[in-house]
Protein backbone atom coordinates (compact mmCIF):
# COMPACT_ATOMS: atom_id res chain seq x y z
CA UNK A 1 22.66 47.44 77.43
CA UNK A 2 23.94 49.82 74.79
CA UNK A 3 24.87 52.55 77.29
CA UNK A 4 27.19 50.16 79.11
CA UNK A 5 28.87 49.11 75.86
CA UNK A 6 29.42 52.74 75.03
CA UNK A 7 30.92 53.49 78.40
CA UNK A 8 33.41 50.70 77.85
CA UNK A 9 34.53 52.40 74.62
CA UNK A 10 36.02 55.26 76.58
CA UNK A 11 39.65 55.55 77.59
CA UNK A 12 38.83 55.67 81.26
CA UNK A 13 37.11 52.31 81.30
CA UNK A 14 40.20 50.65 79.86
CA UNK A 15 42.12 51.66 82.95
CA UNK A 16 39.79 49.81 85.29
CA UNK A 17 36.50 48.32 84.18
CA UNK A 18 33.64 48.98 86.54
CA UNK A 19 31.19 46.42 87.79
CA UNK A 20 27.84 46.17 85.97
CA UNK A 21 26.10 47.32 89.16
CA UNK A 22 28.22 50.47 89.32
CA UNK A 23 27.64 51.29 85.68
CA UNK A 24 23.91 50.67 86.08
CA UNK A 25 23.86 53.17 88.94
CA UNK A 26 25.19 55.80 86.54
CA UNK A 27 22.84 54.91 83.67
CA UNK A 28 23.51 56.99 80.56
CA UNK A 29 26.39 59.11 81.87
CA UNK A 30 28.63 59.79 78.87
CA UNK A 31 26.94 57.09 76.88
CA UNK A 32 26.36 56.58 73.18
CA UNK A 33 23.72 55.15 70.80
CA UNK A 34 23.48 51.53 69.66
CA UNK A 35 26.79 50.50 68.09
CA UNK A 36 27.24 50.46 64.35
CA UNK A 37 30.53 48.65 64.04
CA UNK A 38 32.85 48.22 66.97
CA UNK A 39 35.97 47.61 64.87
CA UNK A 40 35.66 50.76 62.78
CA UNK A 41 33.45 52.48 65.26
CA UNK A 42 32.10 55.96 65.34
CA UNK A 43 32.52 58.00 68.52
CA UNK A 44 29.30 60.02 69.04
CA UNK A 45 29.69 60.54 72.78
CA UNK A 46 29.21 61.88 74.42
CA UNK A 47 24.13 69.96 80.30
CA UNK A 48 20.65 86.14 85.90
CA UNK A 49 22.11 85.80 89.24
CA UNK A 50 19.29 86.11 91.79
CA UNK A 51 21.03 88.33 94.30
CA UNK A 52 23.70 91.04 94.32
CA UNK A 53 25.68 88.93 96.75
CA UNK A 54 26.17 86.32 94.07
CA UNK A 55 27.53 88.88 91.67
CA UNK A 56 29.97 90.03 94.32
CA UNK A 57 31.36 86.51 94.76
CA UNK A 58 34.50 85.32 93.05
CA UNK A 59 33.89 85.31 89.30
CA UNK A 60 34.93 82.82 86.66
CA UNK A 61 34.52 83.43 82.95
CA UNK A 62 34.76 81.27 79.89
CA UNK A 63 37.04 83.37 77.72
CA UNK A 64 38.76 83.10 74.38
CA UNK A 65 42.49 83.21 73.89
CA UNK A 66 44.00 85.09 70.99
CA UNK A 67 43.51 82.04 68.79
CA UNK A 68 39.91 81.51 69.82
CA UNK A 69 40.45 78.63 72.23
CA UNK A 70 37.93 78.24 75.06
CA UNK A 71 39.54 78.48 78.47
CA UNK A 72 38.03 78.86 81.91
CA UNK A 73 39.87 81.69 83.65
CA UNK A 74 39.02 82.38 87.30
CA UNK A 75 39.46 85.91 88.56
CA UNK A 76 38.36 87.80 91.64
CA UNK A 77 36.10 90.81 91.69
CA UNK A 78 37.44 92.09 94.98
CA UNK A 79 34.12 91.32 96.66
CA UNK A 80 33.59 88.94 99.57
CA UNK A 81 33.53 85.18 99.06
CA UNK A 82 30.04 83.70 99.34
CA UNK A 83 30.43 79.94 98.87
CA UNK A 84 26.89 78.90 99.72
CA UNK A 85 24.81 81.77 98.42
CA UNK A 86 24.12 80.46 94.92
CA UNK A 87 23.21 77.01 96.21
CA UNK A 88 20.94 78.38 98.95
CA UNK A 89 19.18 80.71 96.52
CA UNK A 90 18.71 77.79 94.14
CA UNK A 91 17.30 75.70 97.00
CA UNK A 92 14.69 78.36 97.72
CA UNK A 93 13.68 78.84 94.10
CA UNK A 94 13.55 75.20 93.03
CA UNK A 95 10.56 74.72 95.32
CA UNK A 96 8.59 77.29 93.31
CA UNK A 97 8.58 75.16 90.16
CA UNK A 98 5.40 73.55 88.79
CA UNK A 99 4.55 69.88 89.15
CA UNK A 100 3.25 67.52 86.49
CA UNK A 101 2.59 63.97 85.40
CA UNK A 102 6.01 63.21 83.94
CA UNK A 103 9.55 64.07 84.92
CA UNK A 104 11.08 64.97 81.55
CA UNK A 105 14.80 65.39 80.95
CA UNK A 106 16.68 66.29 77.80
CA UNK A 107 20.42 66.11 78.22
CA UNK A 108 23.27 66.53 75.77
CA UNK A 109 26.54 64.76 76.47
CA UNK A 110 29.62 66.12 74.75
CA UNK A 111 33.28 65.30 74.49
CA UNK A 112 36.07 67.36 72.94
CA UNK A 113 38.51 65.52 70.63
CA UNK A 114 41.82 66.79 69.30
CA UNK A 115 42.27 66.17 65.56
CA UNK A 116 45.77 66.25 64.10
CA UNK A 117 49.25 64.91 64.66
CA UNK A 118 50.87 67.78 66.53
CA UNK A 119 49.99 70.53 68.94
CA UNK A 120 50.89 73.13 66.31
CA UNK A 121 48.43 72.02 63.63
CA UNK A 122 45.62 70.34 65.58
CA UNK A 123 42.03 71.50 65.95
CA UNK A 124 39.30 70.35 68.31
CA UNK A 125 35.90 68.93 67.47
CA UNK A 126 32.89 68.42 69.68
CA UNK A 127 31.01 65.10 69.65
CA UNK A 128 27.45 65.18 71.00
CA UNK A 129 24.59 62.87 71.88
CA UNK A 130 21.07 63.84 72.95
CA UNK A 131 18.99 61.81 75.41
CA UNK A 132 15.30 62.32 76.22
CA UNK A 133 13.59 60.54 79.08
CA UNK A 134 10.11 60.62 80.59
CA UNK A 135 9.27 59.05 83.96
CA UNK A 136 5.77 59.07 85.42
CA UNK A 137 4.94 59.13 89.11
CA UNK A 138 4.57 55.36 89.19
CA UNK A 139 8.10 54.88 87.93
CA UNK A 140 7.24 53.86 84.36
CA UNK A 141 9.79 55.35 81.99
CA UNK A 142 10.81 55.54 78.36
CA UNK A 143 13.78 57.10 76.60
CA UNK A 144 14.96 58.17 73.18
CA UNK A 145 18.46 58.80 71.83
CA UNK A 146 19.55 61.06 68.99
CA UNK A 147 22.98 61.33 67.43
CA UNK A 148 23.92 64.99 66.91
CA UNK A 149 26.50 66.01 64.30
CA UNK A 150 30.03 66.77 65.40
CA UNK A 151 31.24 70.35 65.00
CA UNK A 152 34.36 72.47 65.60
CA UNK A 153 34.66 73.45 69.24
CA UNK A 154 35.78 77.09 68.94
CA UNK A 155 36.18 79.82 66.33
CA UNK A 156 39.86 78.98 65.96
CA UNK A 157 39.02 75.32 65.53
CA UNK A 158 36.44 76.17 62.86
CA UNK A 159 39.03 78.16 60.95
CA UNK A 160 41.48 75.27 61.04
CA UNK A 161 38.76 72.79 60.08
CA UNK A 162 37.82 74.97 57.10
CA UNK A 163 41.48 75.31 56.16
CA UNK A 164 41.65 71.50 56.12
CA UNK A 165 38.85 71.45 53.55
CA UNK A 166 35.85 71.24 55.89
CA UNK A 167 35.89 67.44 55.97
CA UNK A 168 32.58 65.72 56.69
CA UNK A 169 34.33 63.18 58.91
CA UNK A 170 37.55 63.09 60.91
CA UNK A 171 39.67 60.44 62.57
CA UNK A 172 40.24 60.86 66.29
CA UNK A 173 42.40 58.96 68.80
CA UNK A 174 40.83 56.78 71.43
CA UNK A 175 42.33 54.32 73.88
CA UNK A 176 40.90 51.47 71.79
CA UNK A 177 42.37 52.75 68.55
CA UNK A 178 41.38 55.28 65.88
CA UNK A 179 37.73 56.29 65.71
CA UNK A 180 35.65 58.43 63.37
CA UNK A 181 33.51 61.48 64.02
CA UNK A 182 30.90 62.56 61.46
CA UNK A 183 29.78 66.14 60.85
CA UNK A 184 26.40 64.99 59.59
CA UNK A 185 23.82 62.95 61.49
CA UNK A 186 20.39 61.49 60.71
CA UNK A 187 17.53 63.93 61.25
CA UNK A 188 14.99 61.30 62.25
CA UNK A 189 13.97 61.13 65.91
CA UNK A 190 13.94 57.78 67.63
CA UNK A 191 10.78 56.46 69.33
CA UNK A 192 10.56 56.55 73.10
CA UNK A 193 11.46 53.03 74.18
CA UNK A 194 10.47 51.52 77.50
CA UNK A 195 13.09 51.56 80.25
CA UNK A 196 12.63 48.72 82.68
CA UNK A 197 13.71 48.64 86.30
CA UNK A 198 14.89 52.24 86.29
CA UNK A 199 17.20 52.97 89.20
CA UNK A 200 19.28 55.89 90.39
CA UNK A 201 22.25 54.68 92.44
CA UNK A 202 20.14 51.67 93.31
CA UNK A 203 17.07 53.73 94.25
CA UNK A 204 13.80 53.13 92.45
CA UNK A 205 11.42 56.04 91.73
CA UNK A 206 9.25 54.88 94.65
CA UNK A 207 12.27 54.98 96.96
CA UNK A 208 13.14 58.45 95.69
CA UNK A 209 9.68 59.56 96.78
CA UNK A 210 10.49 58.59 100.36
CA UNK A 211 13.74 60.55 100.64
CA UNK A 212 13.69 63.17 103.39
CA UNK A 213 13.42 66.84 102.45
CA UNK A 214 15.73 68.16 105.16
CA UNK A 215 19.40 68.45 104.17
CA UNK A 216 20.99 66.65 107.11
CA UNK A 217 18.41 63.88 107.03
CA UNK A 218 18.87 63.55 103.25
CA UNK A 219 22.62 63.34 103.69
CA UNK A 220 22.18 60.65 106.36
CA UNK A 221 19.97 58.63 104.01
CA UNK A 222 22.40 58.94 101.11
CA UNK A 223 25.33 57.89 103.28
CA UNK A 224 23.77 54.41 103.40
CA UNK A 225 23.90 53.99 99.61
CA UNK A 226 26.33 51.25 98.64
CA UNK A 227 28.51 51.34 95.55
CA UNK A 228 32.01 51.50 94.15
CA UNK A 229 32.78 55.13 94.93
CA UNK A 230 36.54 55.19 94.38
CA UNK A 231 37.93 57.44 91.64
CA UNK A 232 40.60 54.80 91.06
CA UNK A 233 41.24 51.42 92.64
CA UNK A 234 42.82 48.19 91.36
CA UNK A 235 39.58 46.30 91.94
CA UNK A 236 35.89 47.00 92.47
CA UNK A 237 35.02 47.39 96.13
CA UNK A 238 31.45 48.12 97.19
CA UNK A 239 30.88 50.05 100.37
CA UNK A 240 28.43 52.58 101.79
CA UNK A 241 29.24 56.26 101.36
CA UNK A 242 29.29 56.42 105.15
CA UNK A 243 32.53 54.44 105.13
CA UNK A 244 34.30 57.15 103.12
CA UNK A 245 36.12 60.15 104.51
CA UNK A 246 37.19 63.55 103.25
CA UNK A 247 37.29 64.16 99.52
CA UNK A 248 36.05 60.66 98.75
CA UNK A 249 32.83 61.29 100.67
CA UNK A 250 32.32 64.68 99.00
CA UNK A 251 32.84 63.03 95.62
CA UNK A 252 30.18 60.40 96.24
CA UNK A 253 27.61 62.75 97.80
CA UNK A 254 28.00 65.36 95.07
CA UNK A 255 27.67 62.68 92.42
CA UNK A 256 24.37 61.48 93.86
CA UNK A 257 23.19 65.06 94.38
CA UNK A 258 23.79 65.84 90.71
CA UNK A 259 21.63 62.90 89.70
CA UNK A 260 18.84 63.98 92.07
CA UNK A 261 18.91 67.50 90.61
CA UNK A 262 19.19 66.71 86.91
CA UNK A 263 18.00 63.20 86.08
CA UNK A 264 15.97 61.55 88.83
CA UNK A 265 12.21 62.16 89.29
CA UNK A 266 12.75 63.64 92.75
CA UNK A 267 10.36 66.09 94.37
CA UNK A 268 11.08 69.81 94.50
CA UNK A 269 11.55 69.51 98.26
CA UNK A 270 14.21 66.82 97.85
CA UNK A 271 15.97 68.90 95.19
CA UNK A 272 16.03 71.85 97.57
CA UNK A 273 17.50 69.61 100.26
CA UNK A 274 20.15 68.39 97.80
CA UNK A 275 21.22 71.98 97.07
CA UNK A 276 21.40 72.77 100.80
CA UNK A 277 23.30 69.56 101.51
CA UNK A 278 25.85 70.43 98.83
CA UNK A 279 26.26 73.92 100.25
CA UNK A 280 27.29 72.36 103.55
CA UNK A 281 29.92 70.00 102.14
CA UNK A 282 33.55 71.01 102.80
CA UNK A 283 35.34 72.73 99.93
CA UNK A 284 32.30 73.31 97.72
CA UNK A 285 32.24 76.93 96.58
CA UNK A 286 30.81 79.39 94.09
CA UNK A 287 33.35 80.76 91.61
CA UNK A 288 31.27 83.34 89.82
CA UNK A 289 29.55 83.33 86.46
CA UNK A 290 29.89 81.46 83.17
CA UNK A 291 27.78 80.20 80.30
CA UNK A 292 27.11 76.53 79.75
CA UNK A 293 27.75 74.80 76.37
CA UNK A 294 24.22 75.81 75.30
CA UNK A 295 25.02 79.47 75.96
CA UNK A 296 22.88 79.81 79.10
CA UNK A 297 24.28 82.02 81.89
CA UNK A 298 24.73 80.63 85.36
CA UNK A 299 26.89 80.45 88.45
CA UNK A 300 29.90 78.14 88.60
CA UNK A 301 30.03 75.74 91.54
CA UNK A 302 33.40 74.06 91.98
CA UNK A 303 33.86 70.77 93.78
CA UNK A 304 37.02 70.25 95.84
CA UNK A 305 38.10 67.32 93.71
CA UNK A 306 40.93 66.71 91.31
CA UNK A 307 40.82 63.34 89.66
CA UNK A 308 41.84 61.72 86.42
CA UNK A 309 38.22 61.36 85.33
CA UNK A 310 34.76 62.74 86.10
CA UNK A 311 33.28 61.72 89.40
CA UNK A 312 32.22 58.14 89.82
CA UNK A 313 33.81 56.61 86.72
CA UNK A 314 36.89 54.44 86.51
CA UNK A 315 40.16 56.16 85.79
CA UNK A 316 43.61 55.94 84.33
CA UNK A 317 46.64 56.55 86.55
CA UNK A 318 47.60 60.07 87.51
CA UNK A 319 50.31 60.49 84.89
CA UNK A 320 47.67 60.34 82.15
CA UNK A 321 46.19 63.67 83.17
CA UNK A 322 43.98 65.13 85.87
CA UNK A 323 40.64 66.90 85.62
CA UNK A 324 38.46 69.02 87.86
CA UNK A 325 34.69 69.17 87.99
CA UNK A 326 32.35 72.15 87.97
CA UNK A 327 28.61 72.59 87.98
CA UNK A 328 26.83 75.51 86.32
CA UNK A 329 23.53 76.34 88.01
CA UNK A 330 20.78 78.91 87.54
CA UNK A 331 19.97 80.05 91.09
CA UNK A 332 16.91 81.96 89.89
CA UNK A 333 15.15 78.78 88.82
CA UNK A 334 16.98 76.29 91.01
CA UNK A 335 18.23 74.43 87.95
CA UNK A 336 21.41 72.47 87.37
CA UNK A 337 22.28 73.60 83.85
CA UNK A 338 25.44 71.62 83.19
CA UNK A 339 28.35 69.63 84.56
CA UNK A 340 31.72 70.13 82.94
CA UNK A 341 35.19 68.69 83.39
CA UNK A 342 38.22 70.90 82.89
CA UNK A 343 41.76 69.76 82.23
CA UNK A 344 43.99 70.35 85.25
CA UNK A 345 47.11 68.64 83.86
CA UNK A 346 47.12 67.39 80.24
CA UNK A 347 47.64 63.68 79.53
CA UNK A 348 51.19 62.41 79.73
CA UNK A 349 53.01 59.17 80.48
CA UNK A 350 51.75 55.67 79.71
CA UNK A 351 50.35 52.56 81.30
CA UNK A 352 50.27 48.86 80.47
CA UNK A 353 46.80 47.38 79.95
CA UNK A 354 45.51 43.81 80.08
CA UNK A 355 45.80 41.98 76.72
CA UNK A 356 43.09 42.65 74.15
CA UNK A 357 40.74 40.22 72.42
CA UNK A 358 43.61 38.98 70.25
CA UNK A 359 45.76 38.22 73.30
CA UNK A 360 48.32 40.88 72.46
CA UNK A 361 49.65 43.32 75.08
CA UNK A 362 48.35 46.87 75.02
CA UNK A 363 49.53 50.20 76.35
CA UNK A 364 47.60 53.35 77.23
CA UNK A 365 49.58 56.43 76.18
CA UNK A 366 49.08 60.17 76.02
CA UNK A 367 49.17 59.93 72.21
CA UNK A 368 45.97 57.86 72.25
CA UNK A 369 44.00 60.29 74.41
CA UNK A 370 41.31 62.48 72.80
CA UNK A 371 42.44 65.50 74.85
CA UNK A 372 46.18 65.04 74.42
CA UNK A 373 46.64 68.63 73.13
CA UNK A 374 44.34 70.27 75.67
CA UNK A 375 45.68 73.01 77.91
CA UNK A 376 44.87 73.45 81.60
CA UNK A 377 41.48 75.11 81.97
CA UNK A 378 40.03 73.78 78.72
CA UNK A 379 36.82 71.77 78.71
CA UNK A 380 37.37 68.05 78.16
CA UNK A 381 33.83 66.73 78.59
CA UNK A 382 30.45 68.11 79.57
CA UNK A 383 26.82 67.26 80.08
CA UNK A 384 24.08 69.86 79.72
CA UNK A 385 20.49 69.54 80.90
CA UNK A 386 18.44 71.36 78.31
CA UNK A 387 15.20 70.24 79.94
CA UNK A 388 14.75 68.98 83.50
CA UNK A 389 11.19 69.60 84.60
CA UNK A 390 7.81 68.16 85.46
CA UNK A 391 5.43 68.19 82.50
CA UNK A 392 1.95 66.95 81.59
CA UNK A 393 2.72 66.22 77.94
CA UNK A 394 3.10 62.52 77.25
CA UNK A 395 6.09 61.26 75.24
CA UNK A 396 5.50 60.54 71.55
């Protein structure tokens, strides 16, 4: 399928290609539209605090440096830590949402690319894709994809882009070679195409409907899910989440919980249980407030993970950079607004890769990474959930 081809374009999949089953479990995550030309390819990759206690928790803000760069700077308010409050408030409020005939999601996947040859003169651009999906209560589903135009990531980046002549396309580095981002995209919407055998980590919509609505029981059910849960391993190894320990188990459970909250047609009761389950996982905490890439305010939930890639995908070795994951939620509505990945350590070092199609040796280097000029705390990739709700309106 096209989403799997797009996933294999990314630098992380060159480090260790995942099994088709594993990729199918994560359908659409950081995916792209049908390919145009894979040799000269385009890269269109890539979602009010309810109580005073939440405001008093540790805060985190997305701020601008003197040159306009977006950084995530944590700071403390002096108030008490309240790790579970935002998640527990969200669990209560998500059950108040309306029901409908279709579970409708609109998500925007974005990736930040560095354009230029040096850290001194580079600027960053944001590549975006939009995905719409409708799933009815019988599990029938259809989806549509739209390519959104690239754009400068920050005010400083816009200034540098304008200084460069406001080009309508730019070349960007990828692990597979140079790619092109376009600042214009077709305005036509794509029809909603049927999605067959829709699954979420192996679970069909009918199986989702049988998930327990109590957090410990939900956790116990999810622990039996089998998959390749490792952030990095030399080969694909399937095992149940129950076989994992520590951070690896938190990684897998939080990954599945994010899908239940944002993409899967799960009931409001199961979503509430997912929030409560997450609140009970070790190391998960609220870090205050921030806005998501769509400008919506929410509370930052940090996961106790530092990995070279977002949760659940294959990864390059540690010397090529590390990243940390955060959720942004709206506790007042019980909504997962976005998932974002921040640079912890910028890419560096290199790694040999298996030979390419032409049989020649290849090497993965920091110079070929799209975020090679990123600083710690800057956003590398994100996914926002513009719509995630039950609705009665049928797809067009």
